[in-house]
């Protein structure tokens, strides 16, 4: 699989938060991403992270009113789940190991930890908030 095939797969997968097929690809940045990337591989304002490290987001959650680029990484991750956990979840759903494909090595090579269940709780809570407050546009 090459990067273009992977990006096509992500677009077809739909938003990780809502599974809405209308989505944009978001390059992971800051927040929890800094916990999984080696310092020399972390994205900065001067450069994007490797193209394999993207998640599909509905425009509302990417650049819209609830978007990570609008409300900030820390607030977004608190409300909708950590980007690093979405990446882990997406890797499990697609069967694509972005670490292997990118040639990068995780900062903590020990693998999954006990926080995964907290992530699924955060995802469920985010979906419930969307249901109560009218979802996404």
C-alpha atoms as a PDB file:
ATOM      1  CA  UNK A   1       0.000   0.000   0.000  1.00  0.00           C
ATOM      2  CA  UNK A   2       1.271   3.475  -0.822  1.00  0.00           C
ATOM      3  CA  UNK A   3       0.370   6.763   0.858  1.00  0.00           C
ATOM      4  CA  UNK A   4      -2.210   7.745  -1.784  1.00  0.00           C
ATOM      5  CA  UNK A   5      -4.040   4.412  -1.353  1.00  0.00           C
ATOM      6  CA  UNK A   6      -3.975   4.894   2.412  1.00  0.00           C
ATOM      7  CA  UNK A   7      -5.374   8.428   2.210  1.00  0.00           C
ATOM      8  CA  UNK A   8      -8.142   7.158  -0.079  1.00  0.00           C
ATOM      9  CA  UNK A   9      -8.922   4.445   2.490  1.00  0.00           C
ATOM     10  CA  UNK A  10      -9.105   7.031   5.269  1.00  0.00           C
ATOM     11  CA  UNK A  11     -11.482   9.239   3.274  1.00  0.00           C
ATOM     12  CA  UNK A  12     -13.725   6.241   2.594  1.00  0.00           C
ATOM     13  CA  UNK A  13     -13.591   5.263   6.279  1.00  0.00           C
ATOM     14  CA  UNK A  14     -15.179   8.541   7.359  1.00  0.00           C
ATOM     15  CA  UNK A  15     -14.793  10.752  10.408  1.00  0.00           C
ATOM     16  CA  UNK A  16     -13.321   8.914  13.389  1.00  0.00           C
ATOM     17  CA  UNK A  17     -15.540  10.834  15.802  1.00  0.00           C
ATOM     18  CA  UNK A  18     -18.856  10.412  13.965  1.00  0.00           C
ATOM     19  CA  UNK A  19     -18.198   7.965  11.093  1.00  0.00           C
ATOM     20  CA  UNK A  20     -19.785  10.582   8.814  1.00  0.00           C
ATOM     21  CA  UNK A  21     -18.463   9.967   5.284  1.00  0.00           C
ATOM     22  CA  UNK A  22     -17.971  13.711   4.709  1.00  0.00           C
ATOM     23  CA  UNK A  23     -14.468  14.174   6.048  1.00  0.00           C
ATOM     24  CA  UNK A  24     -11.130  15.879   5.663  1.00  0.00           C
ATOM     25  CA  UNK A  25      -7.750  14.427   6.555  1.00  0.00           C
ATOM     26  CA  UNK A  26      -6.123  15.963   9.612  1.00  0.00           C
ATOM     27  CA  UNK A  27      -2.372  15.683  10.198  1.00  0.00           C
ATOM     28  CA  UNK A  28      -1.863  14.896  13.874  1.00  0.00           C
ATOM     29  CA  UNK A  29      -0.242  17.681  15.876  1.00  0.00           C
ATOM     30  CA  UNK A  30       0.707  18.571  19.429  1.00  0.00           C
ATOM     31  CA  UNK A  31      -1.027  17.296  22.542  1.00  0.00           C
ATOM     32  CA  UNK A  32      -1.014  13.513  22.890  1.00  0.00           C
ATOM     33  CA  UNK A  33       0.985  13.164  19.668  1.00  0.00           C
ATOM     34  CA  UNK A  34       4.043  14.459  21.520  1.00  0.00           C
ATOM     35  CA  UNK A  35       3.682  11.491  23.886  1.00  0.00           C
ATOM     36  CA  UNK A  36       4.042   8.917  21.100  1.00  0.00           C
ATOM     37  CA  UNK A  37       6.560  10.589  18.777  1.00  0.00           C
ATOM     38  CA  UNK A  38      10.283  10.807  19.287  1.00  0.00           C
ATOM     39  CA  UNK A  39      11.283  14.465  19.756  1.00  0.00           C
ATOM     40  CA  UNK A  40      13.060  14.586  16.394  1.00  0.00           C
ATOM     41  CA  UNK A  41       9.920  13.279  14.598  1.00  0.00           C
ATOM     42  CA  UNK A  42       7.353  15.560  16.263  1.00  0.00           C
ATOM     43  CA  UNK A  43       5.532  18.059  14.073  1.00  0.00           C
ATOM     44  CA  UNK A  44       6.193  21.735  14.575  1.00  0.00           C
ATOM     45  CA  UNK A  45       4.749  24.937  13.211  1.00  0.00           C
ATOM     46  CA  UNK A  46       7.443  24.746  10.531  1.00  0.00           C
ATOM     47  CA  UNK A  47       6.635  21.228   9.306  1.00  0.00           C
ATOM     48  CA  UNK A  48       3.837  18.685   9.255  1.00  0.00           C
ATOM     49  CA  UNK A  49       4.067  15.245  10.720  1.00  0.00           C
ATOM     50  CA  UNK A  50       4.626  12.337   8.345  1.00  0.00           C
ATOM     51  CA  UNK A  51       1.656  11.842   5.955  1.00  0.00           C
ATOM     52  CA  UNK A  52       0.921   8.408   7.435  1.00  0.00           C
ATOM     53  CA  UNK A  53      -0.140  10.114  10.672  1.00  0.00           C
ATOM     54  CA  UNK A  54      -3.525  11.475   9.660  1.00  0.00           C
ATOM     55  CA  UNK A  55      -7.055  10.876  10.866  1.00  0.00           C
ATOM     56  CA  UNK A  56     -10.266  11.606   8.969  1.00  0.00           C
ATOM     57  CA  UNK A  57     -12.406  14.289  10.615  1.00  0.00           C
ATOM     58  CA  UNK A  58     -15.751  15.798   9.651  1.00  0.00           C
ATOM     59  CA  UNK A  59     -15.178  19.508   8.828  1.00  0.00           C
ATOM     60  CA  UNK A  60     -16.980  20.462  12.068  1.00  0.00           C
ATOM     61  CA  UNK A  61     -14.277  18.652  14.068  1.00  0.00           C
ATOM     62  CA  UNK A  62     -11.383  19.691  11.828  1.00  0.00           C
ATOM     63  CA  UNK A  63     -11.738  23.392  10.989  1.00  0.00           C
ATOM     64  CA  UNK A  64     -15.322  24.181  12.025  1.00  0.00           C
ATOM     65  CA  UNK A  65     -16.792  25.443  15.289  1.00  0.00           C
ATOM     66  CA  UNK A  66     -15.684  22.306  17.151  1.00  0.00           C
ATOM     67  CA  UNK A  67     -12.548  21.880  15.050  1.00  0.00           C
ATOM     68  CA  UNK A  68      -9.160  21.074  16.455  1.00  0.00           C
ATOM     69  CA  UNK A  69      -7.752  24.067  14.557  1.00  0.00           C
ATOM     70  CA  UNK A  70     -10.431  26.360  16.042  1.00  0.00           C
ATOM     71  CA  UNK A  71     -10.746  25.303  19.702  1.00  0.00           C
ATOM     72  CA  UNK A  72      -7.147  24.137  20.127  1.00  0.00           C
ATOM     73  CA  UNK A  73      -5.562  20.742  20.562  1.00  0.00           C
ATOM     74  CA  UNK A  74      -5.891  20.495  24.350  1.00  0.00           C
ATOM     75  CA  UNK A  75      -9.590  21.430  24.399  1.00  0.00           C
ATOM     76  CA  UNK A  76     -10.335  19.213  21.403  1.00  0.00           C
ATOM     77  CA  UNK A  77      -8.583  16.193  22.931  1.00  0.00           C
ATOM     78  CA  UNK A  78     -10.445  16.719  26.213  1.00  0.00           C
ATOM     79  CA  UNK A  79     -13.797  16.831  24.420  1.00  0.00           C
ATOM     80  CA  UNK A  80     -13.329  14.237  21.670  1.00  0.00           C
ATOM     81  CA  UNK A  81     -10.435  12.010  22.695  1.00  0.00           C
ATOM     82  CA  UNK A  82      -6.696  12.074  22.243  1.00  0.00           C
ATOM     83  CA  UNK A  83      -5.393  12.070  18.706  1.00  0.00           C
ATOM     84  CA  UNK A  84      -2.909   9.339  19.618  1.00  0.00           C
ATOM     85  CA  UNK A  85      -5.749   7.096  20.786  1.00  0.00           C
ATOM     86  CA  UNK A  86      -7.763   7.814  17.627  1.00  0.00           C
ATOM     87  CA  UNK A  87      -4.674   6.803  15.659  1.00  0.00           C
ATOM     88  CA  UNK A  88      -4.403   3.538  17.620  1.00  0.00           C
ATOM     89  CA  UNK A  89      -8.120   2.852  17.099  1.00  0.00           C
ATOM     90  CA  UNK A  90      -7.856   3.640  13.378  1.00  0.00           C
ATOM     91  CA  UNK A  91      -4.859   1.316  13.016  1.00  0.00           C
ATOM     92  CA  UNK A  92      -6.921  -1.489  14.557  1.00  0.00           C
ATOM     93  CA  UNK A  93      -9.901  -0.756  12.310  1.00  0.00           C
ATOM     94  CA  UNK A  94      -7.910  -0.547   9.065  1.00  0.00           C
ATOM     95  CA  UNK A  95      -5.173  -3.064   9.818  1.00  0.00           C
ATOM     96  CA  UNK A  96      -2.552  -0.543   8.668  1.00  0.00           C
ATOM     97  CA  UNK A  97       0.482  -0.068  10.912  1.00  0.00           C
ATOM     98  CA  UNK A  98       1.412   3.554  10.265  1.00  0.00           C
ATOM     99  CA  UNK A  99       4.625   3.151  12.241  1.00  0.00           C
ATOM    100  CA  UNK A 100       5.826   0.429   9.906  1.00  0.00           C
ATOM    101  CA  UNK A 101       4.634   2.239   6.783  1.00  0.00           C
ATOM    102  CA  UNK A 102       6.268   5.541   7.795  1.00  0.00           C
ATOM    103  CA  UNK A 103       9.545   4.032   8.943  1.00  0.00           C
ATOM    104  CA  UNK A 104       9.247   5.871  12.256  1.00  0.00           C
ATOM    105  CA  UNK A 105       9.598   4.291  15.688  1.00  0.00           C
ATOM    106  CA  UNK A 106       7.119   4.994  18.490  1.00  0.00           C
ATOM    107  CA  UNK A 107       8.493   6.912  21.461  1.00  0.00           C
ATOM    108  CA  UNK A 108       7.100   4.264  23.808  1.00  0.00           C
ATOM    109  CA  UNK A 109       7.669   0.997  21.961  1.00  0.00           C
ATOM    110  CA  UNK A 110       5.921  -1.020  24.682  1.00  0.00           C
ATOM    111  CA  UNK A 111       2.628  -0.796  22.792  1.00  0.00           C
ATOM    112  CA  UNK A 112      -0.891  -0.392  24.107  1.00  0.00           C
ATOM    113  CA  UNK A 113      -1.499   0.594  27.709  1.00  0.00           C
ATOM    114  CA  UNK A 114      -4.433   0.684  30.104  1.00  0.00           C
ATOM    115  CA  UNK A 115      -5.589   4.101  28.866  1.00  0.00           C
ATOM    116  CA  UNK A 116      -7.240   2.553  25.793  1.00  0.00           C
ATOM    117  CA  UNK A 117     -10.463   1.869  27.705  1.00  0.00           C
ATOM    118  CA  UNK A 118     -10.511   5.521  28.838  1.00  0.00           C
ATOM    119  CA  UNK A 119     -10.348   6.515  25.175  1.00  0.00           C
ATOM    120  CA  UNK A 120     -13.395   4.432  24.281  1.00  0.00           C
ATOM    121  CA  UNK A 121     -15.255   6.015  27.222  1.00  0.00           C
ATOM    122  CA  UNK A 122     -14.312   9.484  25.909  1.00  0.00           C
ATOM    123  CA  UNK A 123     -15.472   8.519  22.400  1.00  0.00           C
ATOM    124  CA  UNK A 124     -18.824   7.302  23.730  1.00  0.00           C
ATOM    125  CA  UNK A 125     -19.252  10.503  25.735  1.00  0.00           C
ATOM    126  CA  UNK A 126     -18.458  12.645  22.661  1.00  0.00           C
ATOM    127  CA  UNK A 127     -21.019  10.760  20.572  1.00  0.00           C
ATOM    128  CA  UNK A 128     -23.634  11.182  23.311  1.00  0.00           C
ATOM    129  CA  UNK A 129     -22.935  14.949  23.503  1.00  0.00           C
ATOM    130  CA  UNK A 130     -23.440  15.197  19.740  1.00  0.00           C
ATOM    131  CA  UNK A 131     -26.743  13.310  20.006  1.00  0.00           C
ATOM    132  CA  UNK A 132     -27.985  15.596  22.796  1.00  0.00           C
ATOM    133  CA  UNK A 133     -26.815  18.853  21.241  1.00  0.00           C
ATOM    134  CA  UNK A 134     -27.913  18.192  17.689  1.00  0.00           C
ATOM    135  CA  UNK A 135     -24.945  16.426  16.198  1.00  0.00           C
ATOM    136  CA  UNK A 136     -22.803  17.966  13.526  1.00  0.00           C
ATOM    137  CA  UNK A 137     -23.604  20.030  10.449  1.00  0.00           C
END
